[in-house]
Amino acid sequence: MNQQVTTIHGLEAVEIGCNLGHDAPPIHLWDKDEFGYYRCPECGLVWVNPQLTDESVAHIYAKGFTSKLKSKPHPTNFLAYRRPLKRLAPYRQYSRLLDVGCFTGHFLLAAREAGWQQVEGTEISSQAIEYAREQYHLTLHEGDLLSLDLPSDAFDAVTLFDVIEHVSDPLGTLRRVYQLLRPGGVLYLDTPHFTSLPRFLFNKEWSVFFPWHRTYFSANNMSLALEQCGFRVRDLRAVGIFPLSRFNAWQSYQAADAIRAAPAPQKHTWIRQHRNTLRPYWLGFKRMTELPFEALSRVGIHIGAKLVVYAEKPD
């Protein structure tokens, strides 16, 4: 079926419906940056409509690569990945892990240091892949996961860090992950949580709302999506209060050239200079803010800013 194509800010976008397959007329929530945000009345899934095409998103990533690289310098330690790596370790049968949307591969470096012998990544940014191959000698596959020829039943673990909200077909992506995992393998993913306290506080000004975040999940419809794809959810929680910022990533993209040309604010320069010293304290503070939300999630109250999910492919 041909999709209706429109152009917004010079970027192509197409009209879509609920990715979980429901046909009821969606509820319009608001407009932001000339894009509409809609919710399915049956499952609660929220999506941007019209939605940027994959080609438009690739253009945005190419334009923003330099600034994103500056915000993610080479890590001196992998403290931020310690908890997921600990949870994934018992699944290391073949010692093979795939990180989807890996950017320049920092998590793959952490996994390799933690003992995973064969780590691979997927990434749509050719610039990020070139950088990761040159700097870290990683095995990366260029393209959307649905377009790549990867072996089925091959990976002990597949990870998606802040990725599922970016893809054009989240349900298809989860089905593909299911195929790639060996029986008994595990999926890890995290993503902004739509029905969270920060979203209620900031409404459409919450900093995660920008056009190349194409789909937003709640705890309930994330569980529904995973179960539709055959997964068995082992742990799902909504944690933390971050991001709380009102920073608008869309405006940052629009002004990317000006931002690149301007000198960095003095406070940002100071933070970068002392990043290695500050990082353990920041992670510790962030962890402390997560604990109350984790406790609430354990009793079925999911109001944290980020969904964190571990799901297994049954044996």
C-alpha atoms as a PDB file:
ATOM      1  CA  MET A   1       0.000   0.000   0.000  1.00  0.00           C
ATOM      2  CA  ASN A   2       1.342   3.444  -0.951  1.00  0.00           C
ATOM      3  CA  GLN A   3       1.891   5.747   2.000  1.00  0.00           C
ATOM      4  CA  GLN A   4       1.018   9.433   1.769  1.00  0.00           C
ATOM      5  CA  VAL A   5       4.277  11.406   1.747  1.00  0.00           C
ATOM      6  CA  THR A   6       4.520  14.942   3.083  1.00  0.00           C
ATOM      7  CA  THR A   7       7.451  17.306   3.609  1.00  0.00           C
ATOM      8  CA  ILE A   8       8.135  19.075   6.926  1.00  0.00           C
ATOM      9  CA  HIS A   9      11.176  21.307   7.381  1.00  0.00           C
ATOM     10  CA  GLY A  10      12.587  19.828   4.177  1.00  0.00           C
ATOM     11  CA  LEU A  11      12.302  16.260   5.513  1.00  0.00           C
ATOM     12  CA  GLU A  12      10.025  13.564   4.086  1.00  0.00           C
ATOM     13  CA  ALA A  13       7.447  11.999   6.392  1.00  0.00           C
ATOM     14  CA  VAL A  14       4.661   9.443   5.926  1.00  0.00           C
ATOM     15  CA  GLU A  15       1.281   8.798   7.520  1.00  0.00           C
ATOM     16  CA  ILE A  16       1.148   5.649   9.682  1.00  0.00           C
ATOM     17  CA  GLY A  17      -1.134   3.909  12.182  1.00  0.00           C
ATOM     18  CA  CYS A  18      -0.689   1.912  15.378  1.00  0.00           C
ATOM     19  CA  ASN A  19       2.373  -0.317  15.076  1.00  0.00           C
ATOM     20  CA  LEU A  20       0.763  -2.953  17.281  1.00  0.00           C
ATOM     21  CA  GLY A  21      -1.895  -3.552  14.638  1.00  0.00           C
ATOM     22  CA  HIS A  22      -4.956  -1.798  16.077  1.00  0.00           C
ATOM     23  CA  ASP A  23      -7.317  -0.074  13.655  1.00  0.00           C
ATOM     24  CA  ALA A  24      -9.315   2.206  15.954  1.00  0.00           C
ATOM     25  CA  PRO A  25      -9.017   5.915  15.055  1.00  0.00           C
ATOM     26  CA  PRO A  26      -6.082   7.303  17.058  1.00  0.00           C
ATOM     27  CA  ILE A  27      -6.470  10.073  19.631  1.00  0.00           C
ATOM     28  CA  HIS A  28      -4.656  13.304  18.819  1.00  0.00           C
ATOM     29  CA  LEU A  29      -2.618  14.440  21.824  1.00  0.00           C
ATOM     30  CA  TRP A  30      -0.790  17.540  20.597  1.00  0.00           C
ATOM     31  CA  ASP A  31       1.307  19.051  17.841  1.00  0.00           C
ATOM     32  CA  LYS A  32       4.948  19.929  18.293  1.00  0.00           C
ATOM     33  CA  ASP A  33       7.442  21.218  15.720  1.00  0.00           C
ATOM     34  CA  GLU A  34       4.713  20.708  13.086  1.00  0.00           C
ATOM     35  CA  PHE A  35       4.449  16.970  13.833  1.00  0.00           C
ATOM     36  CA  GLY A  36       1.394  15.358  15.429  1.00  0.00           C
ATOM     37  CA  TYR A  37       1.495  13.022  18.424  1.00  0.00           C
ATOM     38  CA  TYR A  38      -1.197  10.351  18.566  1.00  0.00           C
ATOM     39  CA  ARG A  39      -2.259   7.600  20.982  1.00  0.00           C
ATOM     40  CA  CYS A  40      -3.951   4.310  20.196  1.00  0.00           C
ATOM     41  CA  PRO A  41      -7.200   4.057  22.215  1.00  0.00           C
ATOM     42  CA  GLU A  42      -6.843   0.260  22.377  1.00  0.00           C
ATOM     43  CA  CYS A  43      -3.246  -0.263  23.557  1.00  0.00           C
ATOM     44  CA  GLY A  44      -2.037   3.221  24.520  1.00  0.00           C
ATOM     45  CA  LEU A  45       0.913   3.236  22.113  1.00  0.00           C
ATOM     46  CA  VAL A  46       1.983   6.781  21.179  1.00  0.00           C
ATOM     47  CA  TRP A  47       3.620   7.712  17.892  1.00  0.00           C
ATOM     48  CA  VAL A  48       4.628  10.697  15.806  1.00  0.00           C
ATOM     49  CA  ASN A  49       2.433  11.182  12.743  1.00  0.00           C
ATOM     50  CA  PRO A  50       3.334  11.946  10.018  1.00  0.00           C
ATOM     51  CA  GLN A  51       6.524  10.043  10.758  1.00  0.00           C
ATOM     52  CA  LEU A  52       9.956  10.733   9.331  1.00  0.00           C
ATOM     53  CA  THR A  53      11.154   8.264   6.725  1.00  0.00           C
ATOM     54  CA  ASP A  54      14.301   6.228   7.312  1.00  0.00           C
ATOM     55  CA  GLU A  55      16.093   8.396   4.759  1.00  0.00           C
ATOM     56  CA  SER A  56      15.158  11.562   6.662  1.00  0.00           C
ATOM     57  CA  VAL A  57      16.361  10.096   9.940  1.00  0.00           C
ATOM     58  CA  ALA A  58      19.649   9.070   8.318  1.00  0.00           C
ATOM     59  CA  HIS A  59      20.061  12.674   7.119  1.00  0.00           C
ATOM     60  CA  ILE A  60      19.522  13.958  10.664  1.00  0.00           C
ATOM     61  CA  TYR A  61      22.071  11.504  12.065  1.00  0.00           C
ATOM     62  CA  ALA A  62      24.634  12.541   9.465  1.00  0.00           C
ATOM     63  CA  LYS A  63      24.136  16.221  10.249  1.00  0.00           C
ATOM     64  CA  GLY A  64      24.360  15.649  14.001  1.00  0.00           C
ATOM     65  CA  PHE A  65      27.215  13.139  14.062  1.00  0.00           C
ATOM     66  CA  THR A  66      29.970  15.556  15.086  1.00  0.00           C
ATOM     67  CA  SER A  67      28.036  17.075  17.979  1.00  0.00           C
ATOM     68  CA  LYS A  68      26.905  13.656  19.218  1.00  0.00           C
ATOM     69  CA  LEU A  69      30.463  12.338  19.065  1.00  0.00           C
ATOM     70  CA  LYS A  70      31.618  15.271  21.207  1.00  0.00           C
ATOM     71  CA  SER A  71      28.971  14.387  23.795  1.00  0.00           C
ATOM     72  CA  LYS A  72      30.145  10.751  23.907  1.00  0.00           C
ATOM     73  CA  PRO A  73      33.944  10.771  24.253  1.00  0.00           C
ATOM     74  CA  HIS A  74      35.882   7.540  24.659  1.00  0.00           C
ATOM     75  CA  PRO A  75      35.040   6.159  28.121  1.00  0.00           C
ATOM     76  CA  THR A  76      37.823   5.602  30.638  1.00  0.00           C
ATOM     77  CA  ASN A  77      35.633   3.059  32.439  1.00  0.00           C
ATOM     78  CA  PHE A  78      32.382   1.242  31.806  1.00  0.00           C
ATOM     79  CA  LEU A  79      30.558   1.902  35.082  1.00  0.00           C
ATOM     80  CA  ALA A  80      27.357   2.861  33.277  1.00  0.00           C
ATOM     81  CA  TYR A  81      27.115  -0.648  31.774  1.00  0.00           C
ATOM     82  CA  ARG A  82      28.001  -2.635  34.868  1.00  0.00           C
ATOM     83  CA  ARG A  83      24.438  -3.556  35.849  1.00  0.00           C
ATOM     84  CA  PRO A  84      23.159  -4.758  32.448  1.00  0.00           C
ATOM     85  CA  LEU A  85      26.368  -6.710  31.840  1.00  0.00           C
ATOM     86  CA  LYS A  86      25.947  -8.452  35.182  1.00  0.00           C
ATOM     87  CA  ARG A  87      22.383  -9.422  34.259  1.00  0.00           C
ATOM     88  CA  LEU A  88      23.448 -10.676  30.821  1.00  0.00           C
ATOM     89  CA  ALA A  89      26.418 -12.726  32.029  1.00  0.00           C
ATOM     90  CA  PRO A  90      24.446 -15.918  32.922  1.00  0.00           C
ATOM     91  CA  TYR A  91      23.246 -16.143  29.299  1.00  0.00           C
ATOM     92  CA  ARG A  92      26.778 -16.314  27.878  1.00  0.00           C
ATOM     93  CA  GLN A  93      26.640 -19.765  26.267  1.00  0.00           C
ATOM     94  CA  TYR A  94      28.204 -19.027  22.868  1.00  0.00           C
ATOM     95  CA  SER A  95      29.729 -15.761  24.147  1.00  0.00           C
ATOM     96  CA  ARG A  96      28.122 -13.895  21.237  1.00  0.00           C
ATOM     97  CA  LEU A  97      26.381 -10.547  21.710  1.00  0.00           C
ATOM     98  CA  LEU A  98      24.758  -8.086  19.294  1.00  0.00           C
ATOM     99  CA  ASP A  99      24.156  -4.419  20.130  1.00  0.00           C
ATOM    100  CA  VAL A 100      21.572  -2.815  17.840  1.00  0.00           C
ATOM    101  CA  GLY A 101      22.099   0.880  17.115  1.00  0.00           C
ATOM    102  CA  CYS A 102      25.540   0.788  18.721  1.00  0.00           C
ATOM    103  CA  PHE A 103      26.754   4.220  17.494  1.00  0.00           C
ATOM    104  CA  THR A 104      30.562   4.108  18.014  1.00  0.00           C
ATOM    105  CA  GLY A 105      30.468   0.900  20.050  1.00  0.00           C
ATOM    106  CA  HIS A 106      31.094   1.852  23.661  1.00  0.00           C
ATOM    107  CA  PHE A 107      28.826  -0.885  24.992  1.00  0.00           C
ATOM    108  CA  LEU A 108      30.575  -3.418  22.767  1.00  0.00           C
ATOM    109  CA  LEU A 109      33.899  -2.372  24.281  1.00  0.00           C
ATOM    110  CA  ALA A 110      32.417  -2.850  27.745  1.00  0.00           C
ATOM    111  CA  ALA A 111      31.040  -6.286  26.822  1.00  0.00           C
ATOM    112  CA  ARG A 112      34.378  -7.344  25.368  1.00  0.00           C
ATOM    113  CA  GLU A 113      36.142  -6.261  28.551  1.00  0.00           C
ATOM    114  CA  ALA A 114      33.545  -8.212  30.573  1.00  0.00           C
ATOM    115  CA  GLY A 115      34.444 -11.449  28.788  1.00  0.00           C
ATOM    116  CA  TRP A 116      32.153 -11.650  25.766  1.00  0.00           C
ATOM    117  CA  GLN A 117      34.336 -13.113  23.031  1.00  0.00           C
ATOM    118  CA  GLN A 118      32.333 -12.185  19.930  1.00  0.00           C
ATOM    119  CA  VAL A 119      30.677  -8.773  20.065  1.00  0.00           C
ATOM    120  CA  GLU A 120      28.964  -7.238  17.045  1.00  0.00           C
ATOM    121  CA  GLY A 121      26.895  -4.135  16.426  1.00  0.00           C
ATOM    122  CA  THR A 122      24.470  -2.647  13.934  1.00  0.00           C
ATOM    123  CA  GLU A 123      24.347   1.053  13.073  1.00  0.00           C
ATOM    124  CA  ILE A 124      22.764   3.180  10.327  1.00  0.00           C
ATOM    125  CA  SER A 125      25.372   5.966  10.575  1.00  0.00           C
ATOM    126  CA  SER A 126      28.251   5.300   8.187  1.00  0.00           C
ATOM    127  CA  GLN A 127      30.280   7.945  10.034  1.00  0.00           C
ATOM    128  CA  ALA A 128      29.865   6.161  13.362  1.00  0.00           C
ATOM    129  CA  ILE A 129      30.796   2.819  11.797  1.00  0.00           C
ATOM    130  CA  GLU A 130      33.930   4.226  10.191  1.00  0.00           C
ATOM    131  CA  TYR A 131      34.974   5.791  13.492  1.00  0.00           C
ATOM    132  CA  ALA A 132      34.325   2.596  15.504  1.00  0.00           C
ATOM    133  CA  ARG A 133      36.221   0.408  13.042  1.00  0.00           C
ATOM    134  CA  GLU A 134      39.217   2.725  12.967  1.00  0.00           C
ATOM    135  CA  GLN A 135      39.357   3.468  16.683  1.00  0.00           C
ATOM    136  CA  TYR A 136      38.189   0.206  18.262  1.00  0.00           C
ATOM    137  CA  HIS A 137      38.464  -2.491  15.521  1.00  0.00           C
ATOM    138  CA  LEU A 138      34.884  -3.607  16.114  1.00  0.00           C
ATOM    139  CA  THR A 139      32.695  -5.808  13.916  1.00  0.00           C
ATOM    140  CA  LEU A 140      29.813  -3.587  12.815  1.00  0.00           C
ATOM    141  CA  HIS A 141      27.036  -4.061  10.263  1.00  0.00           C
ATOM    142  CA  GLU A 142      25.758  -0.992   8.439  1.00  0.00           C
ATOM    143  CA  GLY A 143      22.023  -0.636   8.015  1.00  0.00           C
ATOM    144  CA  ASP A 144      18.685  -1.058   9.738  1.00  0.00           C
ATOM    145  CA  LEU A 145      18.377  -4.376  11.565  1.00  0.00           C
ATOM    146  CA  LEU A 146      15.512  -5.481   9.303  1.00  0.00           C
ATOM    147  CA  SER A 147      17.689  -5.083   6.212  1.00  0.00           C
ATOM    148  CA  LEU A 148      20.726  -7.011   7.453  1.00  0.00           C
ATOM    149  CA  ASP A 149      21.568 -10.646   6.706  1.00  0.00           C
ATOM    150  CA  LEU A 150      22.479 -11.975  10.145  1.00  0.00           C
ATOM    151  CA  PRO A 151      22.327 -15.603  11.323  1.00  0.00           C
ATOM    152  CA  SER A 152      19.253 -16.850  13.152  1.00  0.00           C
ATOM    153  CA  ASP A 153      19.445 -18.535  16.582  1.00  0.00           C
ATOM    154  CA  ALA A 154      23.028 -17.291  16.916  1.00  0.00           C
ATOM    155  CA  PHE A 155      23.246 -14.725  19.712  1.00  0.00           C
ATOM    156  CA  ASP A 156      23.120 -15.222  23.462  1.00  0.00           C
ATOM    157  CA  ALA A 157      22.086 -11.607  23.979  1.00  0.00           C
ATOM    158  CA  VAL A 158      20.793  -8.730  21.867  1.00  0.00           C
ATOM    159  CA  THR A 159      20.745  -5.228  23.336  1.00  0.00           C
ATOM    160  CA  LEU A 160      18.918  -2.042  22.324  1.00  0.00           C
ATOM    161  CA  PHE A 161      19.983   0.996  24.335  1.00  0.00           C
ATOM    162  CA  ASP A 162      17.606   3.879  23.530  1.00  0.00           C
ATOM    163  CA  VAL A 163      16.900   2.409  20.093  1.00  0.00           C
ATOM    164  CA  ILE A 164      13.359   1.004  19.871  1.00  0.00           C
ATOM    165  CA  GLU A 165      11.830   4.512  19.939  1.00  0.00           C
ATOM    166  CA  HIS A 166      13.889   5.447  16.839  1.00  0.00           C
ATOM    167  CA  VAL A 167      12.955   2.638  14.448  1.00  0.00           C
ATOM    168  CA  SER A 168      10.138   2.839  11.895  1.00  0.00           C
ATOM    169  CA  ASP A 169       8.865  -0.671  12.699  1.00  0.00           C
ATOM    170  CA  PRO A 170       9.357  -1.468  16.397  1.00  0.00           C
ATOM    171  CA  LEU A 171       7.265  -4.650  16.309  1.00  0.00           C
ATOM    172  CA  GLY A 172       9.133  -5.928  13.252  1.00  0.00           C
ATOM    173  CA  THR A 173      12.408  -5.094  14.964  1.00  0.00           C
ATOM    174  CA  LEU A 174      11.442  -7.118  18.046  1.00  0.00           C
ATOM    175  CA  ARG A 175      10.418 -10.054  15.849  1.00  0.00           C
ATOM    176  CA  ARG A 176      13.794  -9.894  14.096  1.00  0.00           C
ATOM    177  CA  VAL A 177      15.597  -9.855  17.446  1.00  0.00           C
ATOM    178  CA  TYR A 178      13.619 -12.950  18.441  1.00  0.00           C
ATOM    179  CA  GLN A 179      14.867 -14.727  15.293  1.00  0.00           C
ATOM    180  CA  LEU A 180      18.482 -13.767  15.974  1.00  0.00           C
ATOM    181  CA  LEU A 181      18.531 -14.967  19.571  1.00  0.00           C
ATOM    182  CA  ARG A 182      19.303 -18.588  20.356  1.00  0.00           C
ATOM    183  CA  PRO A 183      16.594 -20.453  22.306  1.00  0.00           C
ATOM    184  CA  GLY A 184      17.028 -19.343  25.900  1.00  0.00           C
ATOM    185  CA  GLY A 185      18.769 -16.119  24.833  1.00  0.00           C
ATOM    186  CA  VAL A 186      17.949 -12.714  26.267  1.00  0.00           C
ATOM    187  CA  LEU A 187      16.891  -9.309  24.964  1.00  0.00           C
ATOM    188  CA  TYR A 188      17.789  -6.149  26.879  1.00  0.00           C
ATOM    189  CA  LEU A 189      16.204  -2.858  25.933  1.00  0.00           C
ATOM    190  CA  ASP A 190      15.566   0.531  27.452  1.00  0.00           C
ATOM    191  CA  THR A 191      13.462   3.387  26.152  1.00  0.00           C
ATOM    192  CA  PRO A 192      11.696   6.561  27.394  1.00  0.00           C
ATOM    193  CA  HIS A 193       8.547   5.713  29.319  1.00  0.00           C
ATOM    194  CA  PHE A 194       5.485   7.615  28.131  1.00  0.00           C
ATOM    195  CA  THR A 195       3.333   7.144  31.237  1.00  0.00           C
ATOM    196  CA  SER A 196       6.032   8.458  33.573  1.00  0.00           C
ATOM    197  CA  LEU A 197       6.109  11.172  36.196  1.00  0.00           C
ATOM    198  CA  PRO A 198       8.408  13.450  34.124  1.00  0.00           C
ATOM    199  CA  ARG A 199       6.067  13.182  31.144  1.00  0.00           C
ATOM    200  CA  PHE A 200       3.112  14.217  33.275  1.00  0.00           C
ATOM    201  CA  LEU A 201       5.147  17.092  34.720  1.00  0.00           C
ATOM    202  CA  PHE A 202       6.440  18.450  31.415  1.00  0.00           C
ATOM    203  CA  ASN A 203       3.757  17.144  29.042  1.00  0.00           C
ATOM    204  CA  LYS A 204       4.790  17.856  25.445  1.00  0.00           C
ATOM    205  CA  GLU A 205       7.834  19.863  26.588  1.00  0.00           C
ATOM    206  CA  TRP A 206       9.527  16.772  28.018  1.00  0.00           C
ATOM    207  CA  SER A 207      12.942  16.647  26.376  1.00  0.00           C
ATOM    208  CA  VAL A 208      12.457  13.231  24.745  1.00  0.00           C
ATOM    209  CA  PHE A 209       9.770  14.489  22.370  1.00  0.00           C
ATOM    210  CA  PHE A 210      11.348  15.198  18.995  1.00  0.00           C
ATOM    211  CA  PRO A 211      10.535  13.846  15.529  1.00  0.00           C
ATOM    212  CA  TRP A 212      13.186  11.132  15.198  1.00  0.00           C
ATOM    213  CA  HIS A 213      11.861   9.535  18.372  1.00  0.00           C
ATOM    214  CA  ARG A 214       9.044   7.914  16.444  1.00  0.00           C
ATOM    215  CA  THR A 215       7.279   5.653  18.998  1.00  0.00           C
ATOM    216  CA  TYR A 216       6.686   5.883  22.756  1.00  0.00           C
ATOM    217  CA  PHE A 217       5.827   2.912  24.951  1.00  0.00           C
ATOM    218  CA  SER A 218       4.219   2.396  28.329  1.00  0.00           C
ATOM    219  CA  ALA A 219       4.961  -0.570  30.573  1.00  0.00           C
ATOM    220  CA  ASN A 220       1.714  -2.246  29.521  1.00  0.00           C
ATOM    221  CA  ASN A 221       2.047  -1.983  25.752  1.00  0.00           C
ATOM    222  CA  MET A 222       5.758  -2.840  25.889  1.00  0.00           C
ATOM    223  CA  SER A 223       4.801  -6.109  27.581  1.00  0.00           C
ATOM    224  CA  LEU A 224       2.091  -6.616  24.956  1.00  0.00           C
ATOM    225  CA  ALA A 225       4.533  -6.027  22.085  1.00  0.00           C
ATOM    226  CA  LEU A 226       7.114  -8.442  23.494  1.00  0.00           C
ATOM    227  CA  GLU A 227       4.527 -11.143  24.099  1.00  0.00           C
ATOM    228  CA  GLN A 228       3.168 -10.732  20.546  1.00  0.00           C
ATOM    229  CA  CYS A 229       6.695 -11.430  19.298  1.00  0.00           C
ATOM    230  CA  GLY A 230       7.061 -14.592  21.395  1.00  0.00           C
ATOM    231  CA  PHE A 231       9.195 -13.261  24.242  1.00  0.00           C
ATOM    232  CA  ARG A 232       8.801 -14.120  27.903  1.00  0.00           C
ATOM    233  CA  VAL A 233       9.277 -10.949  29.967  1.00  0.00           C
ATOM    234  CA  ARG A 234      11.582 -11.646  32.891  1.00  0.00           C
ATOM    235  CA  ASP A 235      11.974  -8.166  34.318  1.00  0.00           C
ATOM    236  CA  LEU A 236      10.297  -4.889  33.409  1.00  0.00           C
ATOM    237  CA  ARG A 237      10.670  -1.755  35.446  1.00  0.00           C
ATOM    238  CA  ALA A 238      10.331   2.004  35.010  1.00  0.00           C
ATOM    239  CA  VAL A 239      13.232   3.777  36.689  1.00  0.00           C
ATOM    240  CA  GLY A 240      14.539   7.236  37.445  1.00  0.00           C
ATOM    241  CA  ILE A 241      13.476  10.815  36.815  1.00  0.00           C
ATOM    242  CA  PHE A 242      15.927  11.657  34.030  1.00  0.00           C
ATOM    243  CA  PRO A 243      15.889  13.281  31.577  1.00  0.00           C
ATOM    244  CA  LEU A 244      14.171  16.243  33.228  1.00  0.00           C
ATOM    245  CA  SER A 245      15.647  18.844  30.888  1.00  0.00           C
ATOM    246  CA  ARG A 246      13.434  21.079  28.776  1.00  0.00           C
ATOM    247  CA  PHE A 247      16.165  21.075  26.122  1.00  0.00           C
ATOM    248  CA  ASN A 248      14.600  20.574  22.690  1.00  0.00           C
ATOM    249  CA  ALA A 249      16.654  18.263  20.483  1.00  0.00           C
ATOM    250  CA  TRP A 250      14.651  19.349  17.413  1.00  0.00           C
ATOM    251  CA  GLN A 251      15.707  22.970  17.882  1.00  0.00           C
ATOM    252  CA  SER A 252      19.274  21.761  18.358  1.00  0.00           C
ATOM    253  CA  TYR A 253      19.065  19.954  15.018  1.00  0.00           C
ATOM    254  CA  GLN A 254      17.631  23.015  13.291  1.00  0.00           C
ATOM    255  CA  ALA A 255      20.512  25.122  14.595  1.00  0.00           C
ATOM    256  CA  ALA A 256      23.205  22.460  14.165  1.00  0.00           C
ATOM    257  CA  ASP A 257      25.469  24.559  11.936  1.00  0.00           C
ATOM    258  CA  ALA A 258      25.334  27.526  14.272  1.00  0.00           C
ATOM    259  CA  ILE A 259      25.971  25.319  17.289  1.00  0.00           C
ATOM    260  CA  ARG A 260      29.019  23.750  15.648  1.00  0.00           C
ATOM    261  CA  ALA A 261      30.429  27.186  14.806  1.00  0.00           C
ATOM    262  CA  ALA A 262      29.875  28.682  18.251  1.00  0.00           C
ATOM    263  CA  PRO A 263      32.386  28.204  21.084  1.00  0.00           C
ATOM    264  CA  ALA A 264      31.250  25.828  23.823  1.00  0.00           C
ATOM    265  CA  PRO A 265      29.899  27.539  26.956  1.00  0.00           C
ATOM    266  CA  GLN A 266      32.500  27.733  29.697  1.00  0.00           C
ATOM    267  CA  LYS A 267      30.540  25.431  32.015  1.00  0.00           C
ATOM    268  CA  HIS A 268      30.343  22.759  29.281  1.00  0.00           C
ATOM    269  CA  THR A 269      34.091  22.999  28.727  1.00  0.00           C
ATOM    270  CA  TRP A 270      34.692  22.589  32.467  1.00  0.00           C
ATOM    271  CA  ILE A 271      32.393  19.546  32.621  1.00  0.00           C
ATOM    272  CA  ARG A 272      34.213  17.883  29.722  1.00  0.00           C
ATOM    273  CA  GLN A 273      37.583  18.551  31.337  1.00  0.00           C
ATOM    274  CA  HIS A 274      36.476  16.960  34.618  1.00  0.00           C
ATOM    275  CA  ARG A 275      34.184  14.308  33.149  1.00  0.00           C
ATOM    276  CA  ASN A 276      36.215  11.333  34.364  1.00  0.00           C
ATOM    277  CA  THR A 277      36.277  12.646  37.923  1.00  0.00           C
ATOM    278  CA  LEU A 278      32.607  13.626  37.973  1.00  0.00           C
ATOM    279  CA  ARG A 279      31.194  10.543  36.263  1.00  0.00           C
ATOM    280  CA  PRO A 280      31.223   8.102  39.235  1.00  0.00           C
ATOM    281  CA  TYR A 281      29.462  10.691  41.408  1.00  0.00           C
ATOM    282  CA  TRP A 282      26.894  11.396  38.705  1.00  0.00           C
ATOM    283  CA  LEU A 283      26.199   7.690  38.199  1.00  0.00           C
ATOM    284  CA  GLY A 284      25.893   7.196  41.950  1.00  0.00           C
ATOM    285  CA  PHE A 285      23.418  10.062  42.235  1.00  0.00           C
ATOM    286  CA  LYS A 286      21.468   8.764  39.250  1.00  0.00           C
ATOM    287  CA  ARG A 287      21.339   5.309  40.791  1.00  0.00           C
ATOM    288  CA  MET A 288      19.975   6.710  44.055  1.00  0.00           C
ATOM    289  CA  THR A 289      17.142   8.423  42.170  1.00  0.00           C
ATOM    290  CA  GLU A 290      16.291   5.120  40.463  1.00  0.00           C
ATOM    291  CA  LEU A 291      15.811   3.071  43.614  1.00  0.00           C
ATOM    292  CA  PRO A 292      12.395   4.434  44.727  1.00  0.00           C
ATOM    293  CA  PHE A 293      11.004   3.969  41.215  1.00  0.00           C
ATOM    294  CA  GLU A 294      12.355   0.409  41.064  1.00  0.00           C
ATOM    295  CA  ALA A 295      10.612  -0.364  44.349  1.00  0.00           C
ATOM    296  CA  LEU A 296       7.343   0.974  42.957  1.00  0.00           C
ATOM    297  CA  SER A 297       7.766  -1.038  39.764  1.00  0.00           C
ATOM    298  CA  ARG A 298       8.125  -4.218  41.781  1.00  0.00           C
ATOM    299  CA  VAL A 299       4.577  -3.721  43.056  1.00  0.00           C
ATOM    300  CA  GLY A 300       3.216  -2.774  39.631  1.00  0.00           C
ATOM    301  CA  ILE A 301       3.402   1.030  39.837  1.00  0.00           C
ATOM    302  CA  HIS A 302       5.414   2.155  36.810  1.00  0.00           C
ATOM    303  CA  ILE A 303       6.078   5.910  36.864  1.00  0.00           C
ATOM    304  CA  GLY A 304       9.838   6.138  36.225  1.00  0.00           C
ATOM    305  CA  ALA A 305      11.241   7.983  33.203  1.00  0.00           C
ATOM    306  CA  LYS A 306      12.856   5.007  31.482  1.00  0.00           C
ATOM    307  CA  LEU A 307      11.593   1.507  30.809  1.00  0.00           C
ATOM    308  CA  VAL A 308      14.233  -1.175  31.390  1.00  0.00           C
ATOM    309  CA  VAL A 309      13.339  -4.644  30.133  1.00  0.00           C
ATOM    310  CA  TYR A 310      14.886  -8.123  30.102  1.00  0.00           C
ATOM    311  CA  ALA A 311      12.987 -10.688  28.034  1.00  0.00           C
ATOM    312  CA  GLU A 312      13.880 -14.250  27.062  1.00  0.00           C
ATOM    313  CA  LYS A 313      13.324 -16.305  23.963  1.00  0.00           C
ATOM    314  CA  PRO A 314      11.877 -19.550  25.375  1.00  0.00           C
ATOM    315  CA  ASP A 315      13.932 -22.753  25.011  1.00  0.00           C
END
